[in-house]
């Protein structure tokens, strides 16, 4: 009989907001799940879903081999909800508890700016 190993939920998910080439991005990191051949799945959405399950239609990044990733080209000044799950040949573990972060608002370019020397 084959034994199936159940993966535990990912823990300690954190986010930080950054600008990548002037575009709002979020760095996401988490604690490693023990085992070999583990990859991670990150789901994110502007809809809150449930505490431990992303909503249908959430964006997904798969095949992450480390314990962090950057979500790029996000909408500025927007709150994103994020879930992370471990994955292996035995299947996918449960999602982490949802975390959220609001991206930076990037100001537009200045136009019609006149700089004069002091009198």
N, C-alpha and C. Protein backbone atom coordinates (compact mmCIF):
# COMPACT_ATOMS: atom_id res chain seq x y z
N UNK A 1 0.84 -1.17 0.00
CA UNK A 1 0.00 0.00 0.00
C UNK A 1 0.89 1.24 0.00
N UNK A 2 0.62 2.16 -0.92
CA UNK A 2 1.36 3.41 -0.97
C UNK A 2 0.87 4.34 0.12
N UNK A 3 1.83 5.02 0.73
CA UNK A 3 1.49 5.98 1.77
C UNK A 3 1.50 7.38 1.17
N UNK A 4 0.44 8.13 1.37
CA UNK A 4 0.35 9.49 0.87
C UNK A 4 0.68 10.44 2.01
N UNK A 5 1.63 11.31 1.77
CA UNK A 5 2.04 12.28 2.77
C UNK A 5 1.24 13.56 2.58
N UNK A 6 0.53 13.97 3.61
CA UNK A 6 -0.24 15.21 3.54
C UNK A 6 0.66 16.38 3.91
N UNK A 7 0.65 17.40 3.10
CA UNK A 7 1.48 18.57 3.36
C UNK A 7 0.76 19.51 4.33
N UNK A 8 1.50 20.03 5.31
CA UNK A 8 0.87 20.97 6.24
C UNK A 8 0.64 22.32 5.56
N UNK A 9 -0.24 23.15 6.14
CA UNK A 9 -0.42 24.49 5.58
C UNK A 9 0.86 25.31 5.72
N UNK A 10 1.08 26.21 4.80
CA UNK A 10 2.22 27.12 4.85
C UNK A 10 1.98 28.11 6.00
N UNK A 11 3.04 28.43 6.73
CA UNK A 11 2.95 29.32 7.89
C UNK A 11 3.77 30.60 7.66
N UNK A 12 3.52 31.58 8.49
CA UNK A 12 4.33 32.81 8.57
C UNK A 12 4.43 33.54 7.24
N UNK A 13 3.32 33.71 6.55
CA UNK A 13 3.32 34.46 5.29
C UNK A 13 3.38 35.95 5.62
N UNK A 14 4.31 36.66 4.98
CA UNK A 14 4.44 38.10 5.16
C UNK A 14 4.52 38.78 3.79
N UNK A 15 4.18 40.05 3.76
CA UNK A 15 4.25 40.81 2.51
C UNK A 15 4.91 42.16 2.78
N UNK A 16 5.48 42.71 1.74
CA UNK A 16 5.97 44.08 1.79
C UNK A 16 5.73 44.69 0.42
N UNK A 17 5.44 45.98 0.40
CA UNK A 17 5.17 46.63 -0.88
C UNK A 17 6.43 47.30 -1.39
N UNK A 18 6.62 47.21 -2.70
CA UNK A 18 7.79 47.76 -3.36
C UNK A 18 7.37 48.35 -4.71
N UNK A 19 8.26 49.11 -5.30
CA UNK A 19 8.07 49.57 -6.67
C UNK A 19 9.10 48.86 -7.52
N UNK A 20 8.66 48.22 -8.59
CA UNK A 20 9.55 47.54 -9.52
C UNK A 20 9.44 48.25 -10.85
N UNK A 21 10.51 48.90 -11.26
CA UNK A 21 10.50 49.70 -12.50
C UNK A 21 9.33 50.68 -12.53
N UNK A 22 9.05 51.28 -11.37
CA UNK A 22 7.99 52.28 -11.28
C UNK A 22 6.59 51.71 -11.19
N UNK A 23 6.46 50.38 -11.15
CA UNK A 23 5.16 49.73 -11.09
C UNK A 23 4.97 49.11 -9.70
N UNK A 24 3.77 49.23 -9.10
CA UNK A 24 3.55 48.64 -7.79
C UNK A 24 3.70 47.13 -7.82
N UNK A 25 4.42 46.61 -6.82
CA UNK A 25 4.64 45.17 -6.67
C UNK A 25 4.54 44.81 -5.20
N UNK A 26 4.35 43.53 -4.94
CA UNK A 26 4.35 43.03 -3.56
C UNK A 26 5.35 41.89 -3.45
N UNK A 27 6.23 41.97 -2.46
CA UNK A 27 7.09 40.84 -2.13
C UNK A 27 6.34 39.97 -1.14
N UNK A 28 6.34 38.66 -1.37
CA UNK A 28 5.66 37.72 -0.50
C UNK A 28 6.68 36.68 -0.05
N UNK A 29 6.72 36.40 1.25
CA UNK A 29 7.63 35.35 1.75
C UNK A 29 6.90 34.51 2.79
N UNK A 30 7.45 33.32 3.06
CA UNK A 30 6.80 32.37 3.97
C UNK A 30 7.83 31.40 4.51
N UNK A 31 7.42 30.65 5.55
CA UNK A 31 8.28 29.63 6.14
C UNK A 31 8.23 28.38 5.26
N UNK A 32 9.38 27.73 5.12
CA UNK A 32 9.46 26.51 4.29
C UNK A 32 8.68 25.37 4.93
N UNK A 33 8.07 24.55 4.08
CA UNK A 33 7.44 23.31 4.51
C UNK A 33 8.49 22.21 4.37
N UNK A 34 8.69 21.39 5.41
CA UNK A 34 9.73 20.36 5.32
C UNK A 34 9.43 19.30 4.26
N UNK A 35 10.49 18.79 3.66
CA UNK A 35 10.34 17.73 2.67
C UNK A 35 11.13 18.02 1.42
N UNK A 36 11.24 17.03 0.57
CA UNK A 36 11.96 17.22 -0.68
C UNK A 36 10.96 17.36 -1.82
N UNK A 37 11.38 18.05 -2.86
CA UNK A 37 10.52 18.22 -4.03
C UNK A 37 9.35 19.14 -3.79
N UNK A 38 9.44 20.01 -2.78
CA UNK A 38 8.33 20.92 -2.46
C UNK A 38 8.43 22.16 -3.35
N UNK A 39 7.33 22.52 -3.97
CA UNK A 39 7.20 23.81 -4.64
C UNK A 39 6.01 24.52 -4.00
N UNK A 40 5.83 25.76 -4.37
CA UNK A 40 4.77 26.55 -3.74
C UNK A 40 3.88 27.19 -4.79
N UNK A 41 2.64 27.43 -4.37
CA UNK A 41 1.63 28.08 -5.18
C UNK A 41 1.21 29.35 -4.44
N UNK A 42 1.21 30.47 -5.13
CA UNK A 42 0.74 31.73 -4.54
C UNK A 42 -0.48 32.18 -5.32
N UNK A 43 -1.57 32.40 -4.61
CA UNK A 43 -2.79 32.94 -5.22
C UNK A 43 -3.01 34.34 -4.67
N UNK A 44 -3.45 35.25 -5.54
CA UNK A 44 -3.73 36.61 -5.08
C UNK A 44 -4.92 37.18 -5.83
N UNK A 45 -5.63 38.07 -5.12
CA UNK A 45 -6.86 38.62 -5.67
C UNK A 45 -7.20 39.92 -4.95
N UNK A 46 -8.01 40.75 -5.59
CA UNK A 46 -8.54 41.92 -4.92
C UNK A 46 -9.83 41.58 -4.18
N UNK A 47 -10.31 40.35 -4.33
CA UNK A 47 -11.46 39.84 -3.57
C UNK A 47 -10.94 39.03 -2.40
N UNK A 48 -11.57 39.17 -1.25
CA UNK A 48 -11.03 38.57 -0.03
C UNK A 48 -11.18 37.06 0.08
N UNK A 49 -12.08 36.45 -0.66
CA UNK A 49 -12.27 35.00 -0.53
C UNK A 49 -12.53 34.65 0.92
N UNK A 50 -12.15 33.44 1.34
CA UNK A 50 -12.28 33.07 2.75
C UNK A 50 -10.90 33.14 3.40
N UNK A 51 -10.85 32.98 4.69
CA UNK A 51 -9.59 33.08 5.42
C UNK A 51 -8.55 32.10 4.90
N UNK A 52 -8.98 30.91 4.48
CA UNK A 52 -8.02 29.88 4.06
C UNK A 52 -8.26 29.36 2.64
N UNK A 53 -9.01 30.09 1.84
CA UNK A 53 -9.28 29.64 0.47
C UNK A 53 -9.44 30.84 -0.45
N UNK A 54 -8.62 30.93 -1.52
CA UNK A 54 -8.78 32.05 -2.45
C UNK A 54 -10.09 31.94 -3.23
N UNK A 55 -10.60 33.08 -3.70
CA UNK A 55 -11.83 33.05 -4.50
C UNK A 55 -11.56 32.46 -5.88
N UNK A 56 -12.60 31.95 -6.52
CA UNK A 56 -12.42 31.48 -7.89
C UNK A 56 -12.02 32.68 -8.75
N UNK A 57 -11.16 32.44 -9.70
CA UNK A 57 -10.69 33.51 -10.56
C UNK A 57 -9.48 34.24 -10.02
N UNK A 58 -8.96 33.83 -8.85
CA UNK A 58 -7.76 34.47 -8.31
C UNK A 58 -6.58 34.20 -9.24
N UNK A 59 -5.68 35.14 -9.33
CA UNK A 59 -4.44 34.94 -10.10
C UNK A 59 -3.56 33.95 -9.35
N UNK A 60 -2.82 33.13 -10.10
CA UNK A 60 -2.02 32.07 -9.49
C UNK A 60 -0.62 32.05 -10.08
N UNK A 61 0.37 31.90 -9.20
CA UNK A 61 1.76 31.69 -9.60
C UNK A 61 2.14 30.31 -9.08
N UNK A 62 2.59 29.42 -9.96
CA UNK A 62 2.90 28.05 -9.55
C UNK A 62 4.38 27.74 -9.76
N UNK A 63 4.82 26.62 -9.19
CA UNK A 63 6.17 26.13 -9.42
C UNK A 63 7.26 26.94 -8.75
N UNK A 64 6.93 27.67 -7.70
CA UNK A 64 7.93 28.48 -6.98
C UNK A 64 8.77 27.53 -6.13
N UNK A 65 10.08 27.55 -6.30
CA UNK A 65 10.94 26.60 -5.59
C UNK A 65 11.52 27.16 -4.29
N UNK A 66 11.52 28.46 -4.12
CA UNK A 66 12.04 29.07 -2.90
C UNK A 66 10.90 29.46 -1.97
N UNK A 67 11.22 30.29 -0.98
CA UNK A 67 10.21 30.71 0.00
C UNK A 67 9.86 32.19 -0.14
N UNK A 68 9.95 32.68 -1.36
CA UNK A 68 9.51 34.06 -1.62
C UNK A 68 9.29 34.25 -3.11
N UNK A 69 8.50 35.26 -3.42
CA UNK A 69 8.28 35.65 -4.81
C UNK A 69 7.83 37.10 -4.81
N UNK A 70 7.88 37.73 -5.98
CA UNK A 70 7.39 39.10 -6.14
C UNK A 70 6.24 39.08 -7.13
N UNK A 71 5.14 39.69 -6.72
CA UNK A 71 3.97 39.84 -7.60
C UNK A 71 4.09 41.20 -8.27
N UNK A 72 4.26 41.20 -9.57
CA UNK A 72 4.54 42.43 -10.32
C UNK A 72 3.33 42.94 -11.09
N UNK A 73 3.45 44.19 -11.54
CA UNK A 73 2.45 44.84 -12.40
C UNK A 73 1.05 44.82 -11.79
N UNK A 74 0.99 45.17 -10.52
CA UNK A 74 -0.29 45.23 -9.82
C UNK A 74 -0.89 46.63 -9.96
N UNK A 75 -2.15 46.75 -9.62
CA UNK A 75 -2.82 48.05 -9.67
C UNK A 75 -2.36 48.88 -8.48
N UNK A 76 -2.10 50.15 -8.71
CA UNK A 76 -1.63 51.00 -7.63
C UNK A 76 -2.74 51.34 -6.64
N UNK A 77 -2.34 51.47 -5.35
CA UNK A 77 -3.28 51.83 -4.31
C UNK A 77 -4.39 50.82 -4.11
N UNK A 78 -4.13 49.55 -4.41
CA UNK A 78 -5.15 48.51 -4.37
C UNK A 78 -4.80 47.47 -3.31
N UNK A 79 -5.78 47.04 -2.56
CA UNK A 79 -5.57 46.00 -1.54
C UNK A 79 -5.65 44.62 -2.20
N UNK A 80 -4.59 43.82 -1.99
CA UNK A 80 -4.54 42.45 -2.50
C UNK A 80 -4.56 41.47 -1.34
N UNK A 81 -5.27 40.37 -1.55
CA UNK A 81 -5.32 39.27 -0.58
C UNK A 81 -4.49 38.13 -1.15
N UNK A 82 -3.71 37.47 -0.28
CA UNK A 82 -2.72 36.50 -0.74
C UNK A 82 -2.81 35.22 0.09
N UNK A 83 -2.72 34.08 -0.61
CA UNK A 83 -2.70 32.75 0.01
C UNK A 83 -1.53 31.98 -0.58
N UNK A 84 -0.89 31.12 0.23
CA UNK A 84 0.24 30.32 -0.23
C UNK A 84 -0.02 28.87 0.16
N UNK A 85 0.29 27.94 -0.75
CA UNK A 85 0.16 26.51 -0.45
C UNK A 85 1.41 25.79 -0.93
N UNK A 86 1.76 24.71 -0.22
CA UNK A 86 2.86 23.85 -0.65
C UNK A 86 2.31 22.81 -1.62
N UNK A 87 3.18 22.33 -2.50
CA UNK A 87 2.79 21.35 -3.50
C UNK A 87 3.92 20.34 -3.66
N UNK A 88 3.57 19.09 -3.87
CA UNK A 88 4.58 18.05 -4.13
C UNK A 88 3.95 17.00 -5.04
N UNK A 89 4.70 15.95 -5.32
CA UNK A 89 4.16 14.88 -6.16
C UNK A 89 2.98 14.18 -5.49
N UNK A 90 2.86 14.33 -4.17
CA UNK A 90 1.73 13.75 -3.43
C UNK A 90 0.47 14.60 -3.51
N UNK A 91 0.60 15.84 -3.99
CA UNK A 91 -0.55 16.72 -4.09
C UNK A 91 -0.30 18.05 -3.42
N UNK A 92 -1.34 18.85 -3.37
CA UNK A 92 -1.26 20.19 -2.81
C UNK A 92 -1.72 20.19 -1.37
N UNK A 93 -1.01 20.93 -0.50
CA UNK A 93 -1.44 21.11 0.88
C UNK A 93 -2.49 22.20 0.98
N UNK A 94 -2.96 22.42 2.18
CA UNK A 94 -3.94 23.48 2.43
C UNK A 94 -3.30 24.85 2.25
N UNK A 95 -4.12 25.83 1.94
CA UNK A 95 -3.62 27.19 1.81
C UNK A 95 -3.33 27.78 3.19
N UNK A 96 -2.42 28.74 3.19
CA UNK A 96 -2.12 29.51 4.40
C UNK A 96 -3.33 30.35 4.79
N UNK A 97 -3.26 30.92 5.97
CA UNK A 97 -4.24 31.92 6.35
C UNK A 97 -3.98 33.16 5.49
N UNK A 98 -5.02 33.73 4.97
CA UNK A 98 -4.94 34.89 4.07
C UNK A 98 -4.22 36.06 4.74
N UNK A 99 -3.37 36.73 3.96
CA UNK A 99 -2.77 37.99 4.38
C UNK A 99 -3.16 39.03 3.33
N UNK A 100 -3.02 40.31 3.68
CA UNK A 100 -3.35 41.35 2.70
C UNK A 100 -2.35 42.49 2.81
N UNK A 101 -2.24 43.22 1.71
CA UNK A 101 -1.35 44.37 1.64
C UNK A 101 -1.89 45.29 0.54
N UNK A 102 -1.77 46.59 0.76
CA UNK A 102 -2.17 47.58 -0.24
C UNK A 102 -0.92 48.09 -0.95
N UNK A 103 -0.97 48.10 -2.26
CA UNK A 103 0.18 48.54 -3.05
C UNK A 103 0.36 50.05 -2.93
N UNK A 104 1.57 50.51 -3.29
CA UNK A 104 1.86 51.94 -3.33
C UNK A 104 0.99 52.60 -4.39
N UNK A 105 0.66 53.85 -4.14
CA UNK A 105 0.07 54.70 -5.17
C UNK A 105 1.22 55.47 -5.79
N UNK A 106 1.40 55.33 -7.07
CA UNK A 106 2.51 55.99 -7.77
C UNK A 106 2.02 57.31 -8.32
N UNK A 107 2.60 58.43 -7.88
CA UNK A 107 2.13 59.71 -8.42
C UNK A 107 2.45 59.84 -9.90
N UNK A 108 1.63 60.57 -10.61
CA UNK A 108 1.88 60.81 -12.03
C UNK A 108 3.05 61.75 -12.25
N UNK A 109 3.44 61.91 -13.45
CA UNK A 109 4.54 62.80 -13.80
C UNK A 109 4.10 64.25 -13.66
N UNK A 110 5.03 65.08 -13.24
CA UNK A 110 4.75 66.50 -13.17
C UNK A 110 4.73 67.08 -14.57
N UNK A 111 3.80 67.98 -14.82
CA UNK A 111 3.76 68.66 -16.13
C UNK A 111 3.69 70.15 -15.87
N UNK A 112 4.14 70.90 -16.81
CA UNK A 112 4.10 72.37 -16.74
C UNK A 112 4.79 72.91 -15.48
N UNK A 113 5.88 72.28 -15.10
CA UNK A 113 6.64 72.71 -13.93
C UNK A 113 7.66 73.77 -14.37
N UNK A 114 7.63 74.90 -13.72
CA UNK A 114 8.58 75.97 -14.03
C UNK A 114 9.42 76.21 -12.80
N UNK A 115 10.72 76.09 -12.97
CA UNK A 115 11.64 76.34 -11.86
C UNK A 115 12.35 77.65 -12.14
N UNK A 116 12.23 78.56 -11.23
CA UNK A 116 12.87 79.87 -11.39
C UNK A 116 13.95 80.02 -10.34
N UNK A 117 15.03 80.70 -10.67
CA UNK A 117 16.05 80.97 -9.66
C UNK A 117 15.50 81.95 -8.62
N UNK A 118 16.03 81.91 -7.40
CA UNK A 118 15.54 82.85 -6.39
C UNK A 118 15.86 84.29 -6.79
N UNK A 119 15.04 85.23 -6.36
CA UNK A 119 15.26 86.64 -6.73
C UNK A 119 16.55 87.18 -6.15
